[in-house]
């Protein structure tokens, strides 16, 4: 790893060449970016922990569903996505726009948002209820817990009132 004083800064005389304003080398930047995870992120682990403590049982990253939702509650026909505000463009202050490579980032973020929208629509069309929990909402555990319980209670009512609801209990004689 280079020391900060060894990093090449663009010369004012470098006409026509691409300028790199990054303070770390491409190799170090690559290593930093490779540590950004898509699964089992800290916000996701916190939401899963909260759900488990509330008594909910679930599956994670179900490949057979569109978008591979972070949390799936089959019995309630509910899925939960835990999105990072930066990558999925939440309207909070964590979703800033990088100054370098503006066009690249604009296209990247637009693609992420469109893909998220497409997956939510497909899941809804398949009869699933979808909740998105944003990274910035993790801090207030009580509020998040209330929101999750409301969503899952509503989804249970929807699941039992649908055409696939059971009318007889398994233990009750016919």
C-alpha atoms as a PDB file:
ATOM      1  CA  UNK A   1       0.000   0.000   0.000  1.00  0.00           C
ATOM      2  CA  UNK A   2       1.313   3.408  -0.910  1.00  0.00           C
ATOM      3  CA  UNK A   3       1.740   6.108   1.619  1.00  0.00           C
ATOM      4  CA  UNK A   4      -0.456   9.139   1.089  1.00  0.00           C
ATOM      5  CA  UNK A   5       2.518  11.291   0.093  1.00  0.00           C
ATOM      6  CA  UNK A   6       3.439   8.777  -2.634  1.00  0.00           C
ATOM      7  CA  UNK A   7       0.097   8.963  -4.442  1.00  0.00           C
ATOM      8  CA  UNK A   8       0.353  10.546  -7.875  1.00  0.00           C
ATOM      9  CA  UNK A   9      -1.759  13.651  -8.128  1.00  0.00           C
ATOM     10  CA  UNK A  10      -2.695  14.966 -11.553  1.00  0.00           C
ATOM     11  CA  UNK A  11      -0.279  17.457 -12.967  1.00  0.00           C
ATOM     12  CA  UNK A  12      -1.625  20.748 -14.250  1.00  0.00           C
ATOM     13  CA  UNK A  13       0.438  19.985 -17.379  1.00  0.00           C
ATOM     14  CA  UNK A  14      -1.259  16.644 -18.137  1.00  0.00           C
ATOM     15  CA  UNK A  15      -3.398  17.795 -21.070  1.00  0.00           C
ATOM     16  CA  UNK A  16      -5.665  15.258 -22.701  1.00  0.00           C
ATOM     17  CA  UNK A  17      -4.968  12.501 -20.190  1.00  0.00           C
ATOM     18  CA  UNK A  18      -7.538  11.199 -17.756  1.00  0.00           C
ATOM     19  CA  UNK A  19      -7.161  12.782 -14.349  1.00  0.00           C
ATOM     20  CA  UNK A  20      -7.351  10.660 -11.230  1.00  0.00           C
ATOM     21  CA  UNK A  21      -8.356  12.587  -8.133  1.00  0.00           C
ATOM     22  CA  UNK A  22      -8.448   9.491  -5.944  1.00  0.00           C
ATOM     23  CA  UNK A  23      -6.144   9.638  -2.926  1.00  0.00           C
ATOM     24  CA  UNK A  24      -5.450   5.893  -3.017  1.00  0.00           C
ATOM     25  CA  UNK A  25      -3.994   3.722  -5.755  1.00  0.00           C
ATOM     26  CA  UNK A  26      -6.297   1.726  -8.063  1.00  0.00           C
ATOM     27  CA  UNK A  27      -5.153  -1.484  -6.366  1.00  0.00           C
ATOM     28  CA  UNK A  28      -6.079  -0.176  -2.901  1.00  0.00           C
ATOM     29  CA  UNK A  29      -9.414   1.202  -4.212  1.00  0.00           C
ATOM     30  CA  UNK A  30     -10.164  -2.198  -5.749  1.00  0.00           C
ATOM     31  CA  UNK A  31      -9.437  -3.923  -2.439  1.00  0.00           C
ATOM     32  CA  UNK A  32     -11.685  -1.446  -0.598  1.00  0.00           C
ATOM     33  CA  UNK A  33     -14.558  -1.920  -3.053  1.00  0.00           C
ATOM     34  CA  UNK A  34     -14.269  -5.711  -2.914  1.00  0.00           C
ATOM     35  CA  UNK A  35     -15.118  -5.604   0.789  1.00  0.00           C
ATOM     36  CA  UNK A  36     -18.566  -4.148   0.086  1.00  0.00           C
ATOM     37  CA  UNK A  37     -20.918  -7.049   0.573  1.00  0.00           C
ATOM     38  CA  UNK A  38     -24.275  -7.733  -1.016  1.00  0.00           C
ATOM     39  CA  UNK A  39     -25.418 -10.303   1.549  1.00  0.00           C
ATOM     40  CA  UNK A  40     -25.296 -10.490   5.336  1.00  0.00           C
ATOM     41  CA  UNK A  41     -24.626  -6.782   5.743  1.00  0.00           C
ATOM     42  CA  UNK A  42     -24.754  -5.219   9.200  1.00  0.00           C
ATOM     43  CA  UNK A  43     -28.196  -3.614   8.608  1.00  0.00           C
ATOM     44  CA  UNK A  44     -29.529  -6.928   7.313  1.00  0.00           C
ATOM     45  CA  UNK A  45     -28.192  -8.823  10.338  1.00  0.00           C
ATOM     46  CA  UNK A  46     -29.807  -6.277  12.668  1.00  0.00           C
ATOM     47  CA  UNK A  47     -33.215  -6.644  10.979  1.00  0.00           C
ATOM     48  CA  UNK A  48     -32.940 -10.435  11.085  1.00  0.00           C
ATOM     49  CA  UNK A  49     -31.999 -10.327  14.756  1.00  0.00           C
ATOM     50  CA  UNK A  50     -34.971  -8.098  15.551  1.00  0.00           C
ATOM     51  CA  UNK A  51     -37.373 -10.367  13.662  1.00  0.00           C
ATOM     52  CA  UNK A  52     -36.013 -13.459  15.409  1.00  0.00           C
ATOM     53  CA  UNK A  53     -36.323 -11.842  18.850  1.00  0.00           C
ATOM     54  CA  UNK A  54     -39.951 -10.985  18.015  1.00  0.00           C
ATOM     55  CA  UNK A  55     -40.614 -14.669  17.338  1.00  0.00           C
ATOM     56  CA  UNK A  56     -40.660 -14.643  13.536  1.00  0.00           C
ATOM     57  CA  UNK A  57     -38.946 -17.421  11.614  1.00  0.00           C
ATOM     58  CA  UNK A  58     -37.799 -16.881   8.055  1.00  0.00           C
ATOM     59  CA  UNK A  59     -35.546 -17.921   5.200  1.00  0.00           C
ATOM     60  CA  UNK A  60     -32.823 -15.734   3.739  1.00  0.00           C
ATOM     61  CA  UNK A  61     -31.757 -15.032   0.145  1.00  0.00           C
ATOM     62  CA  UNK A  62     -34.278 -17.369  -1.487  1.00  0.00           C
ATOM     63  CA  UNK A  63     -32.988 -17.961  -5.019  1.00  0.00           C
ATOM     64  CA  UNK A  64     -36.350 -19.037  -6.445  1.00  0.00           C
ATOM     65  CA  UNK A  65     -37.902 -15.581  -5.895  1.00  0.00           C
ATOM     66  CA  UNK A  66     -37.260 -12.548  -8.109  1.00  0.00           C
ATOM     67  CA  UNK A  67     -34.530 -10.337  -6.698  1.00  0.00           C
ATOM     68  CA  UNK A  68     -33.424 -12.941  -4.157  1.00  0.00           C
ATOM     69  CA  UNK A  69     -35.054 -11.125  -1.194  1.00  0.00           C
ATOM     70  CA  UNK A  70     -32.970 -10.673   1.955  1.00  0.00           C
ATOM     71  CA  UNK A  71     -35.695 -12.099   4.211  1.00  0.00           C
ATOM     72  CA  UNK A  72     -38.631 -14.326   3.219  1.00  0.00           C
ATOM     73  CA  UNK A  73     -41.532 -15.309   5.481  1.00  0.00           C
ATOM     74  CA  UNK A  74     -43.328 -17.982   3.440  1.00  0.00           C
ATOM     75  CA  UNK A  75     -46.246 -18.485   5.810  1.00  0.00           C
ATOM     76  CA  UNK A  76     -47.082 -14.782   5.603  1.00  0.00           C
ATOM     77  CA  UNK A  77     -46.341 -14.400   1.875  1.00  0.00           C
ATOM     78  CA  UNK A  78     -44.033 -11.534   2.814  1.00  0.00           C
ATOM     79  CA  UNK A  79     -40.548 -10.528   1.739  1.00  0.00           C
ATOM     80  CA  UNK A  80     -38.240  -7.886   3.161  1.00  0.00           C
ATOM     81  CA  UNK A  81     -35.420  -6.159   1.331  1.00  0.00           C
ATOM     82  CA  UNK A  82     -32.815  -4.360   3.438  1.00  0.00           C
ATOM     83  CA  UNK A  83     -31.370  -1.666   1.182  1.00  0.00           C
ATOM     84  CA  UNK A  84     -28.321   0.487   1.626  1.00  0.00           C
ATOM     85  CA  UNK A  85     -29.269   4.137   1.155  1.00  0.00           C
ATOM     86  CA  UNK A  86     -26.252   4.913  -1.053  1.00  0.00           C
ATOM     87  CA  UNK A  87     -26.584   2.021  -3.506  1.00  0.00           C
ATOM     88  CA  UNK A  88     -30.374   2.019  -3.792  1.00  0.00           C
ATOM     89  CA  UNK A  89     -30.833   5.828  -3.732  1.00  0.00           C
ATOM     90  CA  UNK A  90     -32.915   6.556  -0.663  1.00  0.00           C
ATOM     91  CA  UNK A  91     -33.912  10.197  -0.253  1.00  0.00           C
ATOM     92  CA  UNK A  92     -31.903  10.603   2.969  1.00  0.00           C
ATOM     93  CA  UNK A  93     -28.491  12.239   3.308  1.00  0.00           C
ATOM     94  CA  UNK A  94     -26.608   8.940   2.931  1.00  0.00           C
ATOM     95  CA  UNK A  95     -27.373   8.797  -0.800  1.00  0.00           C
ATOM     96  CA  UNK A  96     -24.887  11.395  -1.999  1.00  0.00           C
ATOM     97  CA  UNK A  97     -23.732  11.648  -5.598  1.00  0.00           C
ATOM     98  CA  UNK A  98     -20.027  10.893  -6.172  1.00  0.00           C
ATOM     99  CA  UNK A  99     -18.174  13.774  -7.803  1.00  0.00           C
ATOM    100  CA  UNK A 100     -15.981  11.663 -10.092  1.00  0.00           C
ATOM    101  CA  UNK A 101     -17.271   9.632 -13.045  1.00  0.00           C
ATOM    102  CA  UNK A 102     -20.684  11.278 -12.754  1.00  0.00           C
ATOM    103  CA  UNK A 103     -22.175   9.598 -15.834  1.00  0.00           C
ATOM    104  CA  UNK A 104     -21.042   6.128 -14.713  1.00  0.00           C
ATOM    105  CA  UNK A 105     -22.576   6.581 -11.257  1.00  0.00           C
ATOM    106  CA  UNK A 106     -25.799   8.071 -12.621  1.00  0.00           C
ATOM    107  CA  UNK A 107     -26.270   5.063 -14.915  1.00  0.00           C
ATOM    108  CA  UNK A 108     -25.307   2.632 -12.146  1.00  0.00           C
ATOM    109  CA  UNK A 109     -27.767   4.112  -9.663  1.00  0.00           C
ATOM    110  CA  UNK A 110     -30.568   4.400 -12.242  1.00  0.00           C
ATOM    111  CA  UNK A 111     -30.064   0.728 -13.088  1.00  0.00           C
ATOM    112  CA  UNK A 112     -30.177  -0.257  -9.413  1.00  0.00           C
ATOM    113  CA  UNK A 113     -33.402   1.700  -8.823  1.00  0.00           C
ATOM    114  CA  UNK A 114     -35.062   0.278 -11.946  1.00  0.00           C
ATOM    115  CA  UNK A 115     -34.029  -3.288 -11.037  1.00  0.00           C
ATOM    116  CA  UNK A 116     -35.422  -2.829  -7.507  1.00  0.00           C
ATOM    117  CA  UNK A 117     -38.716  -1.535  -8.951  1.00  0.00           C
ATOM    118  CA  UNK A 118     -38.917  -4.448 -11.396  1.00  0.00           C
ATOM    119  CA  UNK A 119     -38.339  -7.043  -8.652  1.00  0.00           C
ATOM    120  CA  UNK A 120     -40.932  -5.466  -6.337  1.00  0.00           C
ATOM    121  CA  UNK A 121     -43.482  -5.466  -9.173  1.00  0.00           C
ATOM    122  CA  UNK A 122     -42.779  -9.108 -10.053  1.00  0.00           C
ATOM    123  CA  UNK A 123     -43.077 -10.208  -6.417  1.00  0.00           C
ATOM    124  CA  UNK A 124     -46.339  -8.287  -6.000  1.00  0.00           C
ATOM    125  CA  UNK A 125     -47.733  -9.895  -9.159  1.00  0.00           C
ATOM    126  CA  UNK A 126     -46.833 -13.303  -7.701  1.00  0.00           C
ATOM    127  CA  UNK A 127     -48.892 -12.522  -4.581  1.00  0.00           C
ATOM    128  CA  UNK A 128     -46.073 -11.516  -2.238  1.00  0.00           C
ATOM    129  CA  UNK A 129     -46.158  -8.467   0.007  1.00  0.00           C
ATOM    130  CA  UNK A 130     -42.935  -6.467  -0.144  1.00  0.00           C
ATOM    131  CA  UNK A 131     -41.317  -4.242   2.471  1.00  0.00           C
ATOM    132  CA  UNK A 132     -38.138  -2.225   1.965  1.00  0.00           C
ATOM    133  CA  UNK A 133     -36.154  -1.368   5.095  1.00  0.00           C
ATOM    134  CA  UNK A 134     -33.576   1.355   4.543  1.00  0.00           C
ATOM    135  CA  UNK A 135     -30.151   1.431   6.159  1.00  0.00           C
ATOM    136  CA  UNK A 136     -30.922   4.777   7.840  1.00  0.00           C
ATOM    137  CA  UNK A 137     -34.010   3.287   9.567  1.00  0.00           C
ATOM    138  CA  UNK A 138     -31.962   0.743  11.513  1.00  0.00           C
ATOM    139  CA  UNK A 139     -30.936   3.190  14.265  1.00  0.00           C
ATOM    140  CA  UNK A 140     -34.430   3.468  15.826  1.00  0.00           C
ATOM    141  CA  UNK A 141     -35.066  -0.133  16.856  1.00  0.00           C
ATOM    142  CA  UNK A 142     -38.454   0.513  18.491  1.00  0.00           C
ATOM    143  CA  UNK A 143     -39.834   2.292  15.442  1.00  0.00           C
ATOM    144  CA  UNK A 144     -38.419  -0.379  13.125  1.00  0.00           C
ATOM    145  CA  UNK A 145     -39.881  -3.155  15.298  1.00  0.00           C
ATOM    146  CA  UNK A 146     -43.322  -1.506  15.169  1.00  0.00           C
ATOM    147  CA  UNK A 147     -43.095  -1.135  11.397  1.00  0.00           C
ATOM    148  CA  UNK A 148     -42.075  -4.776  10.921  1.00  0.00           C
ATOM    149  CA  UNK A 149     -44.869  -6.054  13.210  1.00  0.00           C
ATOM    150  CA  UNK A 150     -47.476  -3.930  11.387  1.00  0.00           C
ATOM    151  CA  UNK A 151     -46.283  -5.188   8.021  1.00  0.00           C
ATOM    152  CA  UNK A 152     -46.216  -8.824   9.099  1.00  0.00           C
ATOM    153  CA  UNK A 153     -49.563  -8.627  10.902  1.00  0.00           C
ATOM    154  CA  UNK A 154     -51.145  -7.082   7.804  1.00  0.00           C
ATOM    155  CA  UNK A 155     -49.559  -9.717   5.588  1.00  0.00           C
ATOM    156  CA  UNK A 156     -50.918 -12.483   7.831  1.00  0.00           C
ATOM    157  CA  UNK A 157     -54.433 -11.066   7.464  1.00  0.00           C
ATOM    158  CA  UNK A 158     -54.004 -10.908   3.698  1.00  0.00           C
ATOM    159  CA  UNK A 159     -52.620 -14.467   3.579  1.00  0.00           C
ATOM    160  CA  UNK A 160     -55.504 -15.922   5.591  1.00  0.00           C
ATOM    161  CA  UNK A 161     -58.240 -14.003   3.771  1.00  0.00           C
ATOM    162  CA  UNK A 162     -57.097 -15.087   0.290  1.00  0.00           C
ATOM    163  CA  UNK A 163     -58.511 -17.903  -1.800  1.00  0.00           C
ATOM    164  CA  UNK A 164     -55.825 -20.290  -0.562  1.00  0.00           C
ATOM    165  CA  UNK A 165     -56.740 -19.878   3.116  1.00  0.00           C
ATOM    166  CA  UNK A 166     -57.573 -23.039   5.015  1.00  0.00           C
ATOM    167  CA  UNK A 167     -61.101 -23.292   6.328  1.00  0.00           C
ATOM    168  CA  UNK A 168     -60.524 -26.309   8.570  1.00  0.00           C
ATOM    169  CA  UNK A 169     -57.986 -26.856  11.295  1.00  0.00           C
ATOM    170  CA  UNK A 170     -55.774 -29.919  10.938  1.00  0.00           C
ATOM    171  CA  UNK A 171     -56.678 -31.114  14.436  1.00  0.00           C
ATOM    172  CA  UNK A 172     -60.427 -30.679  14.075  1.00  0.00           C
ATOM    173  CA  UNK A 173     -62.485 -33.613  12.805  1.00  0.00           C
ATOM    174  CA  UNK A 174     -64.322 -33.076   9.495  1.00  0.00           C
END
